[in-house]
Protein backbone atom coordinates (compact mmCIF):
# COMPACT_ATOMS: atom_id res chain seq x y z
CA MET A 1 -25.45 -41.81 11.06
CA LYS A 2 -26.62 -38.74 9.14
CA TYR A 3 -24.06 -36.57 10.97
CA VAL A 4 -21.25 -38.88 9.90
CA LEU A 5 -22.45 -38.58 6.31
CA VAL A 6 -22.61 -34.77 6.51
CA VAL A 7 -19.11 -34.59 8.02
CA ALA A 8 -17.79 -36.95 5.33
CA VAL A 9 -19.32 -34.83 2.54
CA VAL A 10 -17.91 -31.61 4.03
CA LEU A 11 -14.44 -33.16 4.39
CA LEU A 12 -14.60 -34.50 0.83
CA LEU A 13 -15.54 -31.07 -0.56
CA TRP A 14 -12.79 -29.40 1.49
CA TRP A 15 -10.23 -31.93 0.24
CA LEU A 16 -11.32 -31.51 -3.39
CA MET A 17 -11.05 -27.74 -3.20
CA ARG A 18 -7.61 -28.00 -1.59
CA VAL A 19 -6.20 -30.55 -4.05
CA ARG A 20 -7.58 -28.99 -7.21
CA PRO A 21 -4.91 -26.74 -8.75
CA SER A 22 -5.92 -23.13 -8.81
CA GLN A 23 -4.90 -20.84 -11.62
CA PRO A 24 -1.97 -18.63 -10.66
CA ARG A 25 -2.70 -14.93 -10.38
CA PRO A 26 -0.75 -12.61 -12.61
CA PRO A 27 1.80 -10.56 -10.66
CA ALA A 28 0.58 -7.16 -9.55
CA THR A 29 2.06 -4.34 -11.54
CA PRO A 30 2.08 -0.73 -10.39
CA PRO A 31 0.03 1.74 -12.41
CA ARG A 32 1.92 3.31 -15.28
CA ASP A 33 1.38 6.81 -13.96
CA ALA A 34 2.69 6.05 -10.46
CA GLN A 35 4.78 8.84 -8.99
CA ALA A 36 7.40 8.79 -6.28
CA MET A 37 5.97 10.01 -2.98
CA VAL A 38 7.80 11.98 -0.31
CA ARG A 39 6.89 12.88 3.27
CA CYS A 40 6.68 16.44 4.57
CA ARG A 41 9.37 16.92 7.23
CA HIS A 42 7.06 19.13 9.30
CA CYS A 43 3.62 17.43 9.33
CA GLY A 44 4.28 14.00 7.81
CA LEU A 45 1.90 14.43 4.88
CA HIS A 46 2.75 12.22 1.89
CA LEU A 47 2.66 14.00 -1.46
CA PRO A 48 4.07 13.52 -4.97
CA ARG A 49 7.71 14.53 -5.30
CA ASP A 50 6.80 16.93 -8.11
CA GLU A 51 4.52 18.93 -5.77
CA ALA A 52 6.92 19.05 -2.81
CA ILE A 53 8.87 22.15 -1.83
CA ALA A 54 12.55 21.48 -1.26
CA GLY A 55 14.14 22.68 1.96
CA ASP A 56 17.53 22.26 3.64
CA ASP A 57 16.36 19.25 5.65
CA GLY A 58 14.16 17.64 3.00
CA PRO A 59 10.80 18.04 1.27
CA TYR A 60 7.86 20.04 2.63
CA CYS A 61 4.19 20.20 1.61
CA SER A 62 3.99 24.02 1.70
CA GLU A 63 6.12 27.11 2.01
CA ASP A 64 4.66 27.75 5.48
CA HIS A 65 5.81 24.37 6.73
CA ARG A 66 9.27 24.89 5.25
CA ARG A 67 9.57 28.17 7.16
CA ALA A 68 8.01 26.77 10.35
CA ALA A 69 10.44 23.86 10.39
CA GLY A 70 13.39 26.23 10.20
CA GLY A 71 14.23 25.58 6.57
CA ASP A 72 15.96 28.29 4.57
CA ALA A 73 14.73 31.77 5.36
CA ALA A 74 12.75 33.36 2.57
């Protein structure tokens, strides 16, 4: 009999937690200083667009990778 009572109490608590309205979470907003990220065409490193080096085929993380990937000759 005590097991039936324990199961009934657990089910009651579960039902109360499920039925009770929860407060809605505010929508997630990105940080104000978020920057666009780009991927290095040679190694795949993600870096801010402002720090990337532009090449013929796309952005690179360093001058060495731009040259190694066959970007414009320096």
